[in-house]
N, C-alpha and C. Protein backbone atom coordinates (compact mmCIF):
# COMPACT_ATOMS: atom_id res chain seq x y z
N MET A 1 93.11 52.99 96.70
CA MET A 1 92.66 54.28 96.71
C MET A 1 91.72 54.18 95.24
N SER A 2 90.57 54.95 95.44
CA SER A 2 89.46 54.71 94.44
C SER A 2 89.82 55.84 93.40
N ASP A 3 89.21 55.54 92.04
CA ASP A 3 89.28 56.59 90.98
C ASP A 3 88.36 58.06 91.45
N SER A 4 87.80 57.87 92.51
CA SER A 4 87.05 59.18 92.77
C SER A 4 87.66 60.02 94.23
N THR A 5 88.76 59.29 94.81
CA THR A 5 89.49 60.05 95.65
C THR A 5 90.75 60.76 94.83
N ALA A 6 91.16 59.93 93.85
CA ALA A 6 91.93 60.85 92.76
C ALA A 6 91.26 61.64 92.15
N SER A 7 90.02 61.64 91.63
CA SER A 7 89.43 62.72 91.17
C SER A 7 89.53 63.92 92.07
N MET A 8 89.31 63.51 93.41
CA MET A 8 88.88 64.69 94.49
C MET A 8 89.97 65.54 94.53
N MET A 9 91.41 64.86 94.47
CA MET A 9 92.60 65.76 94.70
C MET A 9 92.92 66.25 93.62
N GLU A 10 92.60 66.18 92.31
CA GLU A 10 92.59 66.70 90.90
C GLU A 10 91.98 67.87 91.16
N THR A 11 90.66 67.80 91.77
CA THR A 11 89.78 69.03 91.78
C THR A 11 90.41 70.12 93.05
N ARG A 12 91.17 69.43 94.15
CA ARG A 12 91.43 70.43 94.93
C ARG A 12 92.75 71.02 94.31
N ALA A 13 93.56 70.21 93.40
CA ALA A 13 94.77 70.84 92.74
C ALA A 13 94.22 72.02 91.86
N THR A 14 93.12 71.80 91.38
CA THR A 14 92.47 72.90 90.49
C THR A 14 92.39 74.24 91.29
N VAL A 15 91.60 74.03 92.63
CA VAL A 15 91.34 75.05 93.21
C VAL A 15 92.55 75.95 93.95
N TYR A 16 93.64 74.78 94.34
CA TYR A 16 95.03 75.73 94.70
C TYR A 16 95.39 76.48 93.49
N ARG A 17 95.43 76.10 92.27
CA ARG A 17 96.06 76.77 90.97
C ARG A 17 95.45 78.19 90.76
N LEU A 18 94.08 78.16 90.91
CA LEU A 18 93.24 79.06 90.65
C LEU A 18 93.14 80.33 91.79
N LEU A 19 93.36 79.71 93.05
CA LEU A 19 93.60 80.46 94.04
C LEU A 19 95.15 81.23 94.00
N SER A 20 96.13 80.68 93.74
CA SER A 20 97.20 81.44 93.32
C SER A 20 97.36 82.53 92.15
N ALA A 21 96.77 81.88 90.96
CA ALA A 21 96.30 82.97 90.03
C ALA A 21 95.84 84.47 90.59
N CYS A 22 94.93 84.36 91.80
CA CYS A 22 94.25 85.46 92.12
C CYS A 22 95.39 86.19 92.99
N TYR A 23 96.22 85.89 93.26
CA TYR A 23 97.10 86.68 94.40
C TYR A 23 98.24 87.65 92.98
N TYR A 24 97.73 87.24 91.86
CA TYR A 24 98.60 88.23 91.03
C TYR A 24 97.97 89.46 90.54
N GLU A 25 98.25 90.35 89.87
CA GLU A 25 97.58 91.66 89.48
C GLU A 25 96.55 91.19 88.62
N PRO A 26 95.24 91.69 89.29
CA PRO A 26 93.71 91.35 88.36
C PRO A 26 93.99 91.99 86.91
N GLU A 27 93.17 90.95 86.04
CA GLU A 27 93.24 91.20 84.59
C GLU A 27 91.89 90.73 84.33
N ASN A 28 91.84 91.40 82.93
CA ASN A 28 90.17 91.02 82.42
C ASN A 28 90.13 89.86 81.84
N CYS A 29 91.50 89.27 81.69
CA CYS A 29 91.38 87.58 81.04
C CYS A 29 90.84 86.79 82.00
N PHE A 30 91.07 87.29 83.54
CA PHE A 30 90.28 86.37 84.34
C PHE A 30 88.89 86.01 84.01
N LEU A 31 88.44 87.19 83.71
CA LEU A 31 86.77 86.81 83.49
C LEU A 31 86.29 86.04 82.14
N GLU A 32 87.56 86.68 81.51
CA GLU A 32 87.27 85.90 79.66
C GLU A 32 87.77 84.42 79.53
N GLU A 33 88.60 84.07 80.83
CA GLU A 33 88.91 82.72 80.70
C GLU A 33 88.39 81.94 81.87
N GLY A 34 87.03 82.51 82.38
CA GLY A 34 86.11 81.82 83.18
C GLY A 34 86.88 81.31 84.52
N VAL A 35 87.62 82.34 85.32
CA VAL A 35 88.50 81.88 86.32
C VAL A 35 87.53 81.39 87.47
N TYR A 36 86.79 82.47 88.01
CA TYR A 36 85.53 82.47 88.83
C TYR A 36 84.59 81.32 88.63
N THR A 37 84.01 80.91 87.42
CA THR A 37 83.43 80.12 87.30
C THR A 37 83.88 78.65 87.45
N GLN A 38 85.25 78.59 87.00
CA GLN A 38 86.02 77.41 87.10
C GLN A 38 86.53 77.02 88.74
N LEU A 39 86.43 78.08 89.21
CA LEU A 39 86.50 78.19 91.06
C LEU A 39 85.75 77.55 91.64
N ARG A 40 84.49 78.11 91.24
CA ARG A 40 83.05 77.81 91.84
C ARG A 40 82.65 76.45 91.53
N ASP A 41 82.73 76.04 90.29
CA ASP A 41 82.43 74.53 89.90
C ASP A 41 83.50 73.71 90.78
N ALA A 42 84.71 73.78 91.00
CA ALA A 42 85.61 72.96 91.52
C ALA A 42 85.13 72.79 92.94
N LEU A 43 84.78 74.02 93.82
CA LEU A 43 84.75 74.12 95.07
C LEU A 43 83.03 73.53 95.33
N ASN A 44 82.32 73.44 94.42
CA ASN A 44 80.56 72.87 94.61
C ASN A 44 81.50 71.43 94.75
N VAL A 45 82.40 70.85 94.32
CA VAL A 45 82.50 69.25 94.90
C VAL A 45 83.17 69.30 96.39
N LEU A 46 83.76 70.39 96.78
CA LEU A 46 84.75 70.46 97.95
C LEU A 46 83.99 70.73 99.18
N ASN A 47 83.35 72.16 98.85
CA ASN A 47 82.60 72.88 99.59
C ASN A 47 81.46 73.71 99.15
N CYS A 48 80.20 73.73 99.23
CA CYS A 48 79.27 74.27 98.54
C CYS A 48 79.38 75.79 99.04
N ASP A 49 79.63 75.77 100.25
CA ASP A 49 79.59 77.14 100.93
C ASP A 49 80.79 78.00 100.33
N LEU A 50 81.84 77.60 100.51
CA LEU A 50 82.92 78.19 99.53
C LEU A 50 82.98 78.63 97.99
N ALA A 51 82.11 77.64 97.44
CA ALA A 51 81.69 77.98 96.14
C ALA A 51 80.91 79.13 95.90
N LEU A 52 80.11 79.60 96.99
CA LEU A 52 79.23 80.80 96.80
C LEU A 52 80.51 81.82 97.01
N VAL A 53 81.68 81.44 97.56
CA VAL A 53 82.57 82.84 98.07
C VAL A 53 83.00 83.14 96.64
N ALA A 54 83.24 82.17 95.85
CA ALA A 54 84.16 82.20 94.56
C ALA A 54 83.24 82.93 93.57
N GLU A 55 81.64 82.57 93.78
CA GLU A 55 80.46 83.25 92.88
C GLU A 55 80.69 84.81 93.09
N LYS A 56 80.65 84.93 94.51
CA LYS A 56 80.49 86.47 94.92
C LYS A 56 82.07 87.21 94.45
N MET A 57 83.16 86.81 94.37
CA MET A 57 84.24 87.21 93.80
C MET A 57 84.00 87.43 92.21
N GLY A 58 83.92 86.60 91.45
CA GLY A 58 83.41 86.79 90.18
C GLY A 58 82.60 87.90 89.64
N ALA A 59 81.46 87.81 90.72
CA ALA A 59 80.44 89.03 90.73
C ALA A 59 80.94 90.34 90.70
N ASN A 60 81.68 90.30 92.24
CA ASN A 60 82.83 91.71 92.21
C ASN A 60 83.25 92.10 91.37
N PHE A 61 84.25 91.30 90.84
CA PHE A 61 85.04 91.57 89.43
C PHE A 61 84.73 92.35 88.38
N THR A 62 83.05 91.74 87.94
CA THR A 62 82.49 92.24 87.09
C THR A 62 81.98 93.65 87.37
N ASN A 63 81.28 93.81 88.70
CA ASN A 63 80.78 95.09 88.99
C ASN A 63 81.72 96.08 89.45
N VAL A 64 83.01 95.66 89.96
CA VAL A 64 83.91 96.75 90.11
C VAL A 64 84.94 97.00 89.23
N GLY A 65 85.39 95.94 88.25
CA GLY A 65 86.31 96.05 87.14
C GLY A 65 87.37 96.13 87.59
N ALA A 66 88.27 95.62 86.48
CA ALA A 66 89.83 95.42 86.52
C ALA A 66 90.49 96.47 87.31
N GLU A 67 90.31 97.60 86.93
CA GLU A 67 91.06 99.00 87.10
C GLU A 67 91.07 99.28 88.80
N ALA A 68 89.85 99.09 88.89
CA ALA A 68 89.58 99.50 90.75
C ALA A 68 90.18 98.05 91.15
N LEU A 69 90.34 96.91 91.12
CA LEU A 69 90.68 95.91 91.68
C LEU A 69 92.49 96.06 91.78
N LEU A 70 92.78 96.38 90.48
CA LEU A 70 94.36 96.54 90.52
C LEU A 70 94.65 97.70 91.71
N GLN A 71 94.09 98.49 91.67
CA GLN A 71 94.46 99.78 92.44
C GLN A 71 94.18 99.09 94.22
N ASP A 72 93.34 98.44 94.21
CA ASP A 72 93.05 97.76 95.64
C ASP A 72 94.45 96.72 95.90
N PHE A 73 94.60 95.90 94.74
CA PHE A 73 95.87 95.12 94.73
C PHE A 73 96.97 95.65 95.15
N SER A 74 96.95 96.76 94.25
CA SER A 74 98.85 97.53 94.57
C SER A 74 98.58 98.32 95.97
N GLN A 75 97.68 98.91 96.64
CA GLN A 75 97.64 99.45 97.87
C GLN A 75 97.81 98.12 99.13
N LEU A 76 97.08 96.89 98.88
CA LEU A 76 97.33 96.15 99.62
C LEU A 76 98.91 95.34 99.71
N PHE A 77 99.38 94.72 98.69
CA PHE A 77 100.45 94.11 98.49
C PHE A 77 101.62 94.70 97.98
N MET A 78 101.76 95.89 97.54
CA MET A 78 102.74 96.57 96.84
C MET A 78 103.34 97.82 97.54
N GLY A 79 102.37 98.63 97.76
CA GLY A 79 102.76 100.20 98.20
C GLY A 79 102.12 101.16 97.42
N PRO A 80 102.98 102.04 97.11
CA PRO A 80 104.96 102.26 97.19
C PRO A 80 105.20 102.60 98.37
N PHE A 81 104.40 102.93 99.57
CA PHE A 81 104.91 103.16 100.92
C PHE A 81 104.37 102.41 101.94
N GLU A 82 103.42 102.44 102.53
CA GLU A 82 103.25 101.44 103.56
C GLU A 82 102.44 100.16 102.95
N ILE A 83 102.64 99.00 103.18
CA ILE A 83 102.28 97.64 102.69
C ILE A 83 101.31 96.95 103.53
N PRO A 84 99.98 97.07 103.94
CA PRO A 84 99.57 96.58 104.67
C PRO A 84 99.35 94.97 105.05
N ALA A 85 99.23 94.06 103.70
CA ALA A 85 99.36 92.91 103.81
C ALA A 85 100.41 92.37 102.82
N LYS A 86 101.36 92.06 103.58
CA LYS A 86 102.75 91.80 102.71
C LYS A 86 102.59 90.48 102.59
N PRO A 87 102.71 89.69 101.16
CA PRO A 87 102.69 88.82 100.65
C PRO A 87 103.60 87.61 100.96
N TYR A 88 104.33 87.80 101.98
CA TYR A 88 105.61 86.87 102.09
C TYR A 88 105.64 86.03 103.39
N GLY A 89 105.86 84.97 103.34
CA GLY A 89 105.82 84.31 104.73
C GLY A 89 106.51 84.55 105.85
N SER A 90 108.04 84.91 105.35
CA SER A 90 108.91 85.56 106.37
C SER A 90 108.64 86.66 107.27
N VAL A 91 107.69 87.81 106.68
CA VAL A 91 107.25 88.78 107.35
C VAL A 91 106.71 88.57 108.46
N TYR A 92 106.05 87.56 108.72
CA TYR A 92 105.35 87.21 109.59
C TYR A 92 106.09 85.95 110.39
N ILE A 93 106.64 85.25 110.18
CA ILE A 93 107.42 84.34 110.70
C ILE A 93 108.88 84.54 111.28
N ASP A 94 109.43 85.54 110.55
CA ASP A 94 110.87 85.50 110.90
C ASP A 94 110.77 87.01 111.52
N GLY A 95 110.00 88.08 111.35
CA GLY A 95 110.10 89.37 111.82
C GLY A 95 109.46 90.46 110.85
N GLU A 96 108.76 91.10 111.22
CA GLU A 96 108.46 92.56 110.27
C GLU A 96 109.53 93.04 109.58
N ASN A 97 109.08 93.43 108.15
CA ASN A 97 110.22 93.88 107.03
C ASN A 97 111.29 92.77 106.84
N ILE A 98 111.51 91.39 107.48
CA ILE A 98 112.43 90.64 107.00
C ILE A 98 111.95 89.87 105.71
N VAL A 99 112.62 89.84 104.72
CA VAL A 99 112.40 88.96 103.54
C VAL A 99 113.64 87.96 103.39
N MET A 100 113.27 87.18 102.44
CA MET A 100 114.52 85.91 102.39
C MET A 100 115.20 85.90 103.79
N GLY A 101 114.17 85.51 104.50
CA GLY A 101 114.84 85.02 106.05
C GLY A 101 114.98 83.80 106.07
N ASP A 102 115.23 83.16 107.38
CA ASP A 102 115.26 81.55 107.47
C ASP A 102 114.46 80.59 106.97
N SER A 103 113.33 81.50 107.13
CA SER A 103 111.74 80.63 106.76
C SER A 103 111.75 80.44 105.57
N THR A 104 112.05 81.84 104.61
CA THR A 104 112.17 81.66 103.08
C THR A 104 113.07 80.27 102.71
N MET A 105 114.41 80.22 103.27
CA MET A 105 115.28 79.30 102.74
C MET A 105 114.71 77.80 103.10
N ALA A 106 113.72 77.72 104.24
CA ALA A 106 113.42 76.39 104.45
C ALA A 106 111.88 76.22 103.51
N VAL A 107 111.22 76.97 102.97
CA VAL A 107 110.03 76.72 102.14
C VAL A 107 110.80 76.41 100.87
N LYS A 108 112.29 77.01 100.59
CA LYS A 108 112.78 76.79 99.33
C LYS A 108 113.39 75.21 99.34
N ALA A 109 113.82 74.79 100.85
CA ALA A 109 114.29 73.27 100.65
C ALA A 109 113.10 72.46 100.51
N CYS A 110 111.99 72.97 101.14
CA CYS A 110 110.63 71.97 100.97
C CYS A 110 110.52 71.59 99.73
N TYR A 111 110.54 72.71 98.61
CA TYR A 111 110.04 72.58 97.45
C TYR A 111 111.20 71.76 96.50
N VAL A 112 112.43 71.56 97.09
CA VAL A 112 113.62 70.75 96.19
C VAL A 112 113.40 69.58 96.98
N GLU A 113 112.90 69.29 98.49
CA GLU A 113 112.48 67.95 98.69
C GLU A 113 111.50 67.41 98.00
N ALA A 114 110.40 68.06 97.31
CA ALA A 114 109.25 67.60 96.58
C ALA A 114 109.83 67.39 95.44
N GLY A 115 111.15 67.81 94.62
CA GLY A 115 111.44 67.81 93.28
C GLY A 115 110.70 68.69 92.48
N PHE A 116 110.50 69.94 93.01
CA PHE A 116 110.25 71.11 92.02
C PHE A 116 111.28 72.43 92.25
N GLU A 117 111.26 72.88 91.66
CA GLU A 117 112.60 74.05 91.37
C GLU A 117 111.52 75.32 90.86
N ILE A 118 112.12 76.79 91.64
CA ILE A 118 111.39 77.81 90.90
C ILE A 118 112.32 78.27 89.89
N ALA A 119 111.68 78.59 88.56
CA ALA A 119 112.47 79.10 87.45
C ALA A 119 113.25 80.19 87.68
N GLU A 120 114.39 80.36 87.00
CA GLU A 120 115.30 81.33 87.18
C GLU A 120 114.80 82.60 87.07
N ASN A 121 113.76 82.73 85.89
CA ASN A 121 113.30 83.66 85.55
C ASN A 121 112.09 84.58 86.35
N PHE A 122 111.63 83.61 87.30
CA PHE A 122 110.66 84.04 88.39
C PHE A 122 110.87 85.09 89.12
N ARG A 123 110.04 86.23 89.01
CA ARG A 123 110.61 87.35 89.85
C ARG A 123 110.01 87.34 91.20
N GLU A 124 109.43 86.52 91.80
CA GLU A 124 108.87 86.82 92.88
C GLU A 124 109.64 85.74 94.04
N LEU A 125 109.57 86.10 95.32
CA LEU A 125 110.38 85.15 96.21
C LEU A 125 109.65 83.96 96.49
N PRO A 126 110.37 82.96 96.98
CA PRO A 126 109.85 81.81 97.29
C PRO A 126 108.62 81.56 98.19
N ASP A 127 108.40 82.37 99.09
CA ASP A 127 107.63 82.25 100.31
C ASP A 127 106.35 83.44 100.00
N HIS A 128 106.38 83.86 98.63
CA HIS A 128 105.07 84.78 98.55
C HIS A 128 103.92 83.66 98.38
N ILE A 129 102.65 84.19 98.60
CA ILE A 129 101.61 83.85 98.85
C ILE A 129 100.86 82.81 97.67
N ALA A 130 101.58 83.37 96.33
CA ALA A 130 100.83 82.76 95.13
C ALA A 130 101.65 81.47 94.56
N VAL A 131 103.11 81.48 95.08
CA VAL A 131 104.06 80.55 94.78
C VAL A 131 103.55 79.31 96.02
N GLU A 132 103.53 79.62 96.98
CA GLU A 132 103.30 78.51 98.01
C GLU A 132 101.81 78.00 97.75
N LEU A 133 101.01 78.67 97.34
CA LEU A 133 99.24 77.95 96.99
C LEU A 133 99.45 77.19 95.69
N GLU A 134 100.78 77.58 94.82
CA GLU A 134 100.91 76.64 93.69
C GLU A 134 101.65 75.64 94.18
N PHE A 135 102.63 75.47 94.89
CA PHE A 135 103.17 74.34 95.52
C PHE A 135 102.37 73.30 96.34
N LEU A 136 100.98 73.61 96.58
CA LEU A 136 99.85 73.11 97.22
C LEU A 136 99.17 72.46 95.77
N TYR A 137 99.15 72.92 95.05
CA TYR A 137 98.72 72.50 93.56
C TYR A 137 99.32 71.59 93.32
N LEU A 138 100.74 71.52 93.25
CA LEU A 138 101.58 70.55 92.62
C LEU A 138 101.50 69.31 93.57
N LEU A 139 101.53 69.70 95.10
CA LEU A 139 101.59 68.50 95.87
C LEU A 139 100.20 67.58 95.66
N SER A 140 99.12 68.40 95.88
CA SER A 140 97.78 67.68 95.23
C SER A 140 97.73 66.82 94.10
N TYR A 141 98.15 67.49 93.06
CA TYR A 141 98.27 66.86 91.66
C TYR A 141 99.03 65.64 91.60
N ARG A 142 100.32 65.78 92.54
CA ARG A 142 101.44 64.28 92.35
C ARG A 142 100.39 63.32 93.45
N GLN A 143 99.53 63.65 94.45
CA GLN A 143 99.00 62.59 95.33
C GLN A 143 97.83 62.13 94.40
N ALA A 144 97.24 62.93 93.33
CA ALA A 144 95.94 62.40 92.65
C ALA A 144 97.02 61.43 91.81
N GLU A 145 98.00 61.68 91.13
CA GLU A 145 98.78 60.79 90.15
C GLU A 145 99.07 59.36 90.67
N ALA A 146 99.41 59.79 92.15
CA ALA A 146 100.10 58.53 92.73
C ALA A 146 99.04 57.37 93.04
N ILE A 147 97.99 57.91 93.20
CA ILE A 147 96.68 57.10 93.76
C ILE A 147 96.42 56.60 92.31
N SER A 148 96.20 57.34 91.36
CA SER A 148 95.61 56.60 90.02
C SER A 148 96.97 55.60 89.28
N LEU A 149 98.10 55.61 89.82
CA LEU A 149 98.82 54.81 89.41
C LEU A 149 99.05 53.45 90.47
N ASP A 150 98.38 53.83 91.63
CA ASP A 150 98.50 52.95 92.84
C ASP A 150 99.92 52.72 93.40
N ASP A 151 100.52 54.09 93.46
CA ASP A 151 101.92 53.83 93.96
C ASP A 151 101.78 54.63 95.45
N SER A 152 101.69 53.75 96.33
CA SER A 152 101.39 54.04 97.85
C SER A 152 102.64 54.42 98.31
N ASP A 153 104.06 54.45 98.07
CA ASP A 153 105.04 54.85 98.31
C ASP A 153 105.12 56.62 98.06
N ALA A 154 104.70 56.77 96.76
CA ALA A 154 104.70 58.29 96.17
C ALA A 154 103.55 59.07 96.93
N LEU A 155 102.29 58.42 97.20
CA LEU A 155 101.27 59.06 97.65
C LEU A 155 101.78 59.31 99.19
N VAL A 156 102.34 58.27 100.19
CA VAL A 156 102.55 58.58 101.52
C VAL A 156 103.87 60.00 101.43
N ARG A 157 104.54 59.96 100.38
CA ARG A 157 105.74 60.68 100.68
C ARG A 157 105.24 62.36 100.11
N TYR A 158 104.32 62.19 99.67
CA TYR A 158 103.51 63.65 99.04
C TYR A 158 102.50 63.76 100.09
N GLU A 159 101.92 63.25 100.73
CA GLU A 159 101.23 63.34 101.72
C GLU A 159 102.12 64.20 102.93
N ASN A 160 103.20 63.38 103.41
CA ASN A 160 103.60 64.16 104.58
C ASN A 160 104.80 65.41 104.03
N ILE A 161 104.82 65.50 103.06
CA ILE A 161 105.65 66.66 102.72
C ILE A 161 104.55 67.93 102.71
N GLU A 162 103.06 67.40 102.13
CA GLU A 162 102.00 68.62 102.59
C GLU A 162 101.75 69.00 103.81
N LYS A 163 101.92 67.74 104.73
CA LYS A 163 101.22 67.94 106.14
C LYS A 163 102.28 68.88 106.79
N ALA A 164 103.60 68.49 106.68
CA ALA A 164 104.93 69.40 106.84
C ALA A 164 104.61 70.81 106.33
N PHE A 165 104.39 70.94 105.30
CA PHE A 165 104.45 72.24 104.87
C PHE A 165 103.25 73.10 105.34
N LEU A 166 102.15 72.49 105.51
CA LEU A 166 101.19 73.14 106.18
C LEU A 166 101.02 73.44 107.39
N LYS A 167 102.00 72.75 108.23
CA LYS A 167 102.26 72.67 109.42
C LYS A 167 103.22 73.96 110.14
N ASN A 168 104.33 73.82 108.83
CA ASN A 168 105.39 74.67 109.31
C ASN A 168 105.68 75.84 108.73
N HIS A 169 104.79 75.93 107.73
CA HIS A 169 105.27 76.77 106.51
C HIS A 169 103.75 78.25 106.55
N ILE A 170 103.00 77.56 105.64
CA ILE A 170 102.15 78.34 105.15
C ILE A 170 101.11 78.34 106.28
N GLY A 171 100.89 77.30 106.81
CA GLY A 171 99.98 77.45 108.09
C GLY A 171 100.22 78.19 109.06
N ARG A 172 101.35 78.58 109.22
CA ARG A 172 102.01 79.52 110.34
C ARG A 172 101.90 81.18 110.05
N TRP A 173 101.45 81.74 108.79
CA TRP A 173 101.15 82.86 108.61
C TRP A 173 100.04 83.14 108.25
N LEU A 174 99.39 82.19 107.26
CA LEU A 174 98.13 82.16 106.42
C LEU A 174 97.01 83.29 107.23
N ALA A 175 96.83 82.81 108.23
CA ALA A 175 95.87 83.32 109.04
C ALA A 175 95.82 85.15 109.44
N ASP A 176 97.40 85.43 109.90
CA ASP A 176 97.51 86.80 109.94
C ASP A 176 97.74 87.43 108.68
N PHE A 177 98.05 86.99 107.86
CA PHE A 177 97.93 87.67 106.27
C PHE A 177 96.41 87.92 105.89
N CYS A 178 95.91 86.95 106.13
CA CYS A 178 94.31 87.22 105.76
C CYS A 178 93.58 88.00 106.39
N THR A 179 93.76 88.28 107.71
CA THR A 179 93.32 89.22 108.87
C THR A 179 93.64 90.57 108.03
N LYS A 180 94.74 90.70 107.77
CA LYS A 180 95.51 92.03 107.23
C LYS A 180 94.94 92.50 105.65
N ILE A 181 94.41 91.43 105.12
CA ILE A 181 93.56 91.81 103.85
C ILE A 181 92.32 92.17 104.07
N ARG A 182 91.59 91.71 105.15
CA ARG A 182 90.22 91.97 105.57
C ARG A 182 90.23 93.12 106.00
N GLN A 183 91.49 93.62 107.10
CA GLN A 183 91.49 94.95 107.44
C GLN A 183 91.57 96.13 106.69
N HIS A 184 92.30 96.03 105.38
CA HIS A 184 92.54 96.65 104.68
C HIS A 184 92.26 96.75 103.59
N ALA A 185 91.21 96.03 102.88
CA ALA A 185 90.85 95.68 101.51
C ALA A 185 89.76 96.84 101.34
N GLN A 186 90.01 97.57 100.11
CA GLN A 186 88.86 98.62 99.80
C GLN A 186 87.67 97.89 98.80
N THR A 187 87.76 96.44 98.57
CA THR A 187 87.03 96.17 97.58
C THR A 187 86.54 94.47 98.53
N ASP A 188 85.24 94.17 98.09
CA ASP A 188 84.82 92.91 98.43
C ASP A 188 85.46 91.59 98.05
N TYR A 189 85.96 91.86 96.83
CA TYR A 189 86.76 91.01 96.26
C TYR A 189 87.61 90.54 97.00
N TYR A 190 88.56 91.40 97.57
CA TYR A 190 89.93 90.96 98.45
C TYR A 190 89.57 90.36 99.59
N ARG A 191 88.45 90.87 100.03
CA ARG A 191 88.07 90.27 101.61
C ARG A 191 87.47 88.71 101.32
N HIS A 192 86.83 88.54 100.10
CA HIS A 192 86.30 87.24 99.53
C HIS A 192 87.69 86.38 99.37
N LEU A 193 88.61 86.88 98.85
CA LEU A 193 89.70 85.79 98.47
C LEU A 193 90.42 85.70 99.67
N ALA A 194 90.11 86.50 100.69
CA ALA A 194 90.99 86.03 101.92
C ALA A 194 90.01 85.28 102.94
N ASP A 195 89.06 85.26 102.79
CA ASP A 195 88.16 84.37 103.36
C ASP A 195 87.99 82.71 102.85
N LEU A 196 87.88 82.98 101.75
CA LEU A 196 88.37 81.84 100.89
C LEU A 196 89.53 80.56 101.00
N THR A 197 90.69 81.62 100.93
CA THR A 197 92.00 81.11 101.03
C THR A 197 92.04 80.29 102.48
N GLU A 198 91.69 81.24 103.50
CA GLU A 198 92.11 80.74 104.83
C GLU A 198 91.21 79.76 105.14
N GLN A 199 90.13 79.62 104.85
CA GLN A 199 89.21 78.44 105.00
C GLN A 199 89.72 77.11 104.20
N LEU A 200 90.02 77.33 103.20
CA LEU A 200 90.33 76.27 102.21
C LEU A 200 91.38 75.65 102.49
N VAL A 201 92.70 76.30 102.89
CA VAL A 201 93.75 75.98 103.05
C VAL A 201 94.11 75.60 104.69
N LEU A 202 93.70 76.24 105.80
CA LEU A 202 93.63 76.02 107.17
C LEU A 202 92.83 74.65 107.54
N SER A 203 91.43 74.22 106.86
CA SER A 203 90.76 73.03 107.06
C SER A 203 91.68 71.91 106.52
N ARG A 204 92.29 72.20 105.72
CA ARG A 204 93.46 71.04 105.24
C ARG A 204 94.37 70.53 106.19
N GLY A 205 94.92 71.55 106.94
CA GLY A 205 95.68 71.38 107.87
C GLY A 205 95.21 70.74 109.13
N ASP A 206 94.03 70.77 109.22
CA ASP A 206 93.25 70.63 110.70
C ASP A 206 93.83 69.03 110.93
């Protein structure tokens, strides 16, 4: 494996990490820390069309502002009454209104298999969209590391875990989740985020 392949995996890891952050409450520090610039630059390496979507997200954040985006975030993912785009895999896989179902336990087992654990003080469920994207980040990072160390056994191990995770977990519910975001979002920001997430993750599972 070449250094360029490792670099590509590191870039993909960066994209997953930044996408994961976008599924938490929007804050002005996203702009201050250059989240969307970093996302655009990383995506320019992987897919120039998706880099344009990331650029639109940054522009929309600037134009709309964190307060309006927080309102949209809350109505999409938190409620307080109807939650149109529930961000948990079990809701789509195990049935409406089910959290911590069998699929959640399977996701948690997948994390353990890969050698990762969720911190005890972490308040979200294991199958929250942000957590599953962060897991893809960690898998991509470990693959890049294995390539750099010329560790073919580790590379195959993490590749297989990633393929299984895409097929059996996030790949089973992501399209439905992103469709609900597009249907109910009040800002272009979250519609762009849904498009970017779906296209990037599901293309990896093809």
